[in-house]
């Protein structure tokens, strides 16, 4: 089916008596051109990024930002665990472990 022409697919779906949608060819041409432009821009970006050198300082900066984000996430999870413990009065993980046994 991936090799079928557009006409074949339309005929299979709508039959011989169905009208062709208005402006179909223009919309298809426009869509193909937009996709080609997007692909060209993506390829240009990839080429530019591959040719640029990345400094150690930039890499350390990115790693530090990632680590800080993970630290914030971990602190948030710990505070949620503390709130859960305070509300329930017992450790929910211990309660789950005991119920599983």
Protein backbone atom coordinates (compact mmCIF):
# COMPACT_ATOMS: atom_id res chain seq x y z
CA UNK A 1 0.00 0.00 0.00
CA UNK A 2 2.94 2.35 0.54
CA UNK A 3 3.64 2.24 -3.22
CA UNK A 4 0.07 3.11 -4.23
CA UNK A 5 -0.47 6.41 -5.98
CA UNK A 6 -2.68 9.07 -4.49
CA UNK A 7 -5.30 8.41 -7.17
CA UNK A 8 -5.39 4.71 -6.31
CA UNK A 9 -5.82 5.44 -2.62
CA UNK A 10 -8.61 7.96 -3.24
CA UNK A 11 -10.41 5.55 -5.57
CA UNK A 12 -10.09 2.71 -3.08
CA UNK A 13 -11.46 4.86 -0.26
CA UNK A 14 -14.13 6.95 -2.03
CA UNK A 15 -14.90 5.05 -5.25
CA UNK A 16 -15.17 6.28 -8.84
CA UNK A 17 -18.09 8.66 -8.26
CA UNK A 18 -16.60 10.71 -5.42
CA UNK A 19 -15.43 14.22 -6.28
CA UNK A 20 -11.78 15.14 -5.86
CA UNK A 21 -11.34 17.56 -2.94
CA UNK A 22 -10.89 21.14 -4.10
CA UNK A 23 -7.33 22.42 -4.17
CA UNK A 24 -5.92 19.00 -3.28
CA UNK A 25 -2.95 19.25 -5.62
CA UNK A 26 -2.02 22.73 -4.40
CA UNK A 27 -2.25 21.63 -0.77
CA UNK A 28 -0.08 18.60 -1.45
CA UNK A 29 2.52 20.67 -3.29
CA UNK A 30 2.54 23.21 -0.46
CA UNK A 31 2.92 20.47 2.13
CA UNK A 32 5.81 18.86 0.27
CA UNK A 33 7.57 22.23 -0.09
CA UNK A 34 7.13 23.01 3.62
CA UNK A 35 8.52 19.60 4.53
CA UNK A 36 11.48 20.10 2.20
CA UNK A 37 12.17 23.51 3.75
CA UNK A 38 11.96 22.05 7.26
CA UNK A 39 14.32 19.22 6.30
CA UNK A 40 16.80 21.68 4.79
CA UNK A 41 16.71 23.85 7.93
CA UNK A 42 17.20 20.80 10.13
CA UNK A 43 20.13 19.63 8.04
CA UNK A 44 21.69 23.10 8.20
CA UNK A 45 21.31 23.14 11.98
CA UNK A 46 22.83 19.67 12.30
CA UNK A 47 25.77 20.64 10.10
CA UNK A 48 26.33 23.84 12.08
CA UNK A 49 26.19 22.04 15.43
CA UNK A 50 28.60 19.35 14.25
CA UNK A 51 31.10 21.92 13.02
CA UNK A 52 31.04 24.04 16.19
CA UNK A 53 33.47 23.27 18.92
CA UNK A 54 32.10 23.01 22.41
CA UNK A 55 34.29 24.34 25.18
CA UNK A 56 34.93 22.47 28.40
CA UNK A 57 33.45 25.42 30.27
CA UNK A 58 30.18 25.03 28.36
CA UNK A 59 30.07 21.28 29.06
CA UNK A 60 30.73 21.83 32.78
CA UNK A 61 28.00 24.46 32.81
CA UNK A 62 25.48 22.09 31.19
CA UNK A 63 26.40 19.26 33.57
CA UNK A 64 26.04 21.60 36.55
CA UNK A 65 22.61 22.73 35.39
CA UNK A 66 21.52 19.11 34.92
CA UNK A 67 22.81 18.15 38.36
CA UNK A 68 21.06 21.11 39.95
CA UNK A 69 17.81 20.08 38.29
CA UNK A 70 18.16 16.55 39.62
CA UNK A 71 18.95 17.93 43.07
CA UNK A 72 15.79 20.03 43.05
CA UNK A 73 13.76 17.03 41.93
CA UNK A 74 15.25 14.86 44.66
CA UNK A 75 14.56 17.50 47.31
CA UNK A 76 10.98 17.80 46.10
CA UNK A 77 10.46 14.06 46.34
CA UNK A 78 11.96 13.98 49.84
CA UNK A 79 9.66 16.77 50.98
CA UNK A 80 6.66 14.92 49.54
CA UNK A 81 7.74 11.81 51.43
CA UNK A 82 7.99 13.90 54.63
CA UNK A 83 4.51 15.34 54.10
CA UNK A 84 3.10 11.89 53.42
CA UNK A 85 4.69 10.55 56.59
CA UNK A 86 3.33 13.46 58.62
CA UNK A 87 -0.19 13.06 57.26
CA UNK A 88 -0.39 9.28 57.55
CA UNK A 89 1.55 9.00 60.79
CA UNK A 90 3.59 6.05 59.47
CA UNK A 91 5.99 5.54 56.67
CA UNK A 92 3.90 4.69 53.59
CA UNK A 93 6.71 2.66 52.05
CA UNK A 94 7.04 0.53 55.17
CA UNK A 95 3.26 0.09 55.22
CA UNK A 96 3.31 -1.04 51.59
CA UNK A 97 6.19 -3.44 52.28
CA UNK A 98 4.34 -4.96 55.25
CA UNK A 99 1.12 -5.37 53.28
CA UNK A 100 3.02 -7.10 50.46
CA UNK A 101 4.32 -9.74 52.88
